[in-house]
């Protein structure tokens, strides 16, 4: 039996194209997929990604990634959930569900 990868998880969309499709700023989507640096009093730190991109380098997203970003955007915009709460929930689910 051969192991075939699900087509929905194949890297297919560049960040710019994905951001356009989702009506998101490219820097916002990039930070969700790659994380971002931020300053602290003890020196620069880096926040981790909340979406694991289909492409390990974070340059291309799958259809599944687009769905994740769309849901994240809705949670942020429509339900006004703070990003720190989203990050905590994602971290919890990753630990719990691996």
C-alpha atoms as a PDB file:
ATOM      1  CA  UNK A   1       0.000   0.000   0.000  1.00  0.00           C
ATOM      2  CA  UNK A   2       1.519   3.353  -0.998  1.00  0.00           C
ATOM      3  CA  UNK A   3       1.371   6.384   1.271  1.00  0.00           C
ATOM      4  CA  UNK A   4      -0.025   9.308  -0.723  1.00  0.00           C
ATOM      5  CA  UNK A   5      -0.028  12.811   0.609  1.00  0.00           C
ATOM      6  CA  UNK A   6      -3.387  14.546   0.783  1.00  0.00           C
ATOM      7  CA  UNK A   7      -3.660  17.109  -2.020  1.00  0.00           C
ATOM      8  CA  UNK A   8      -5.219  19.590   0.432  1.00  0.00           C
ATOM      9  CA  UNK A   9      -1.933  19.625   2.358  1.00  0.00           C
ATOM     10  CA  UNK A  10       0.334  20.184  -0.658  1.00  0.00           C
ATOM     11  CA  UNK A  11       2.197  23.536  -0.804  1.00  0.00           C
ATOM     12  CA  UNK A  12       0.358  25.459  -3.509  1.00  0.00           C
ATOM     13  CA  UNK A  13      -0.012  29.157  -2.610  1.00  0.00           C
ATOM     14  CA  UNK A  14       2.695  31.761  -2.187  1.00  0.00           C
ATOM     15  CA  UNK A  15       2.335  34.101   0.799  1.00  0.00           C
ATOM     16  CA  UNK A  16       1.370  37.089  -1.350  1.00  0.00           C
ATOM     17  CA  UNK A  17      -1.280  35.113  -3.233  1.00  0.00           C
ATOM     18  CA  UNK A  18      -2.628  33.581  -0.019  1.00  0.00           C
ATOM     19  CA  UNK A  19      -2.789  36.967   1.713  1.00  0.00           C
ATOM     20  CA  UNK A  20      -4.686  38.379  -1.272  1.00  0.00           C
ATOM     21  CA  UNK A  21      -7.164  35.479  -1.268  1.00  0.00           C
ATOM     22  CA  UNK A  22      -7.726  35.930   2.474  1.00  0.00           C
ATOM     23  CA  UNK A  23      -7.845  39.752   2.395  1.00  0.00           C
ATOM     24  CA  UNK A  24      -4.988  39.895   4.901  1.00  0.00           C
ATOM     25  CA  UNK A  25      -1.877  42.051   4.919  1.00  0.00           C
ATOM     26  CA  UNK A  26       1.141  39.993   3.796  1.00  0.00           C
ATOM     27  CA  UNK A  27       3.130  40.863   6.973  1.00  0.00           C
ATOM     28  CA  UNK A  28       0.267  39.570   9.145  1.00  0.00           C
ATOM     29  CA  UNK A  29       0.073  36.244   7.331  1.00  0.00           C
ATOM     30  CA  UNK A  30       3.872  35.984   7.295  1.00  0.00           C
ATOM     31  CA  UNK A  31       4.043  36.424  11.070  1.00  0.00           C
ATOM     32  CA  UNK A  32       1.333  33.784  11.578  1.00  0.00           C
ATOM     33  CA  UNK A  33       3.289  31.322   9.411  1.00  0.00           C
ATOM     34  CA  UNK A  34       6.921  32.155  10.269  1.00  0.00           C
ATOM     35  CA  UNK A  35       6.652  33.956  13.583  1.00  0.00           C
ATOM     36  CA  UNK A  36       8.298  37.340  14.050  1.00  0.00           C
ATOM     37  CA  UNK A  37      10.996  39.079  16.046  1.00  0.00           C
ATOM     38  CA  UNK A  38      10.033  41.531  18.766  1.00  0.00           C
ATOM     39  CA  UNK A  39      12.020  43.665  21.181  1.00  0.00           C
ATOM     40  CA  UNK A  40      12.131  43.155  24.948  1.00  0.00           C
ATOM     41  CA  UNK A  41      14.070  44.890  27.691  1.00  0.00           C
ATOM     42  CA  UNK A  42      16.412  41.883  27.840  1.00  0.00           C
ATOM     43  CA  UNK A  43      17.004  41.865  24.079  1.00  0.00           C
ATOM     44  CA  UNK A  44      15.239  40.693  20.932  1.00  0.00           C
ATOM     45  CA  UNK A  45      13.053  37.591  21.038  1.00  0.00           C
ATOM     46  CA  UNK A  46      11.130  35.655  18.402  1.00  0.00           C
ATOM     47  CA  UNK A  47       7.508  34.578  18.572  1.00  0.00           C
ATOM     48  CA  UNK A  48       6.775  31.225  17.003  1.00  0.00           C
ATOM     49  CA  UNK A  49       4.361  30.544  14.176  1.00  0.00           C
ATOM     50  CA  UNK A  50       0.742  29.689  14.984  1.00  0.00           C
ATOM     51  CA  UNK A  51       0.187  28.022  11.597  1.00  0.00           C
ATOM     52  CA  UNK A  52       2.515  25.211  10.512  1.00  0.00           C
ATOM     53  CA  UNK A  53       3.030  25.821   6.783  1.00  0.00           C
ATOM     54  CA  UNK A  54       2.976  22.986   4.251  1.00  0.00           C
ATOM     55  CA  UNK A  55       6.363  24.212   3.029  1.00  0.00           C
ATOM     56  CA  UNK A  56       8.954  23.905   5.844  1.00  0.00           C
ATOM     57  CA  UNK A  57      10.518  27.217   4.759  1.00  0.00           C
ATOM     58  CA  UNK A  58       7.147  28.945   5.123  1.00  0.00           C
ATOM     59  CA  UNK A  59       7.076  30.247   1.564  1.00  0.00           C
ATOM     60  CA  UNK A  60       4.112  28.228   0.318  1.00  0.00           C
ATOM     61  CA  UNK A  61       0.863  27.330   1.987  1.00  0.00           C
ATOM     62  CA  UNK A  62      -1.558  24.501   1.395  1.00  0.00           C
ATOM     63  CA  UNK A  63      -5.306  24.773   1.049  1.00  0.00           C
ATOM     64  CA  UNK A  64      -5.523  23.487   4.627  1.00  0.00           C
ATOM     65  CA  UNK A  65      -3.224  26.341   5.716  1.00  0.00           C
ATOM     66  CA  UNK A  66      -5.543  28.820   3.965  1.00  0.00           C
ATOM     67  CA  UNK A  67      -8.485  27.413   5.923  1.00  0.00           C
ATOM     68  CA  UNK A  68      -6.494  27.726   9.175  1.00  0.00           C
ATOM     69  CA  UNK A  69      -5.598  31.343   8.364  1.00  0.00           C
ATOM     70  CA  UNK A  70      -9.201  32.135   7.431  1.00  0.00           C
ATOM     71  CA  UNK A  71     -10.452  30.761  10.758  1.00  0.00           C
ATOM     72  CA  UNK A  72      -7.720  32.625  12.641  1.00  0.00           C
ATOM     73  CA  UNK A  73      -8.661  35.843  10.861  1.00  0.00           C
ATOM     74  CA  UNK A  74     -12.340  35.358  11.732  1.00  0.00           C
ATOM     75  CA  UNK A  75     -11.521  34.642  15.365  1.00  0.00           C
ATOM     76  CA  UNK A  76      -9.448  37.830  15.506  1.00  0.00           C
ATOM     77  CA  UNK A  77     -11.757  40.120  13.501  1.00  0.00           C
ATOM     78  CA  UNK A  78     -15.263  38.884  14.196  1.00  0.00           C
ATOM     79  CA  UNK A  79     -14.851  37.621  17.739  1.00  0.00           C
ATOM     80  CA  UNK A  80     -12.109  40.063  18.816  1.00  0.00           C
ATOM     81  CA  UNK A  81     -10.072  37.358  20.537  1.00  0.00           C
ATOM     82  CA  UNK A  82      -6.651  38.611  21.633  1.00  0.00           C
ATOM     83  CA  UNK A  83      -3.738  37.092  19.770  1.00  0.00           C
ATOM     84  CA  UNK A  84      -2.128  35.989  23.042  1.00  0.00           C
ATOM     85  CA  UNK A  85      -5.267  33.937  23.763  1.00  0.00           C
ATOM     86  CA  UNK A  86      -5.127  32.408  20.283  1.00  0.00           C
ATOM     87  CA  UNK A  87      -1.442  31.544  20.765  1.00  0.00           C
ATOM     88  CA  UNK A  88      -2.164  29.956  24.169  1.00  0.00           C
ATOM     89  CA  UNK A  89      -4.975  27.876  22.666  1.00  0.00           C
ATOM     90  CA  UNK A  90      -2.806  26.735  19.741  1.00  0.00           C
ATOM     91  CA  UNK A  91       0.048  25.814  22.096  1.00  0.00           C
ATOM     92  CA  UNK A  92      -2.368  23.875  24.321  1.00  0.00           C
ATOM     93  CA  UNK A  93      -3.817  21.961  21.368  1.00  0.00           C
ATOM     94  CA  UNK A  94      -0.377  21.164  19.968  1.00  0.00           C
ATOM     95  CA  UNK A  95       0.690  19.727  23.331  1.00  0.00           C
ATOM     96  CA  UNK A  96      -2.590  17.884  23.851  1.00  0.00           C
ATOM     97  CA  UNK A  97      -3.114  16.528  20.342  1.00  0.00           C
ATOM     98  CA  UNK A  98       0.508  16.452  19.197  1.00  0.00           C
END
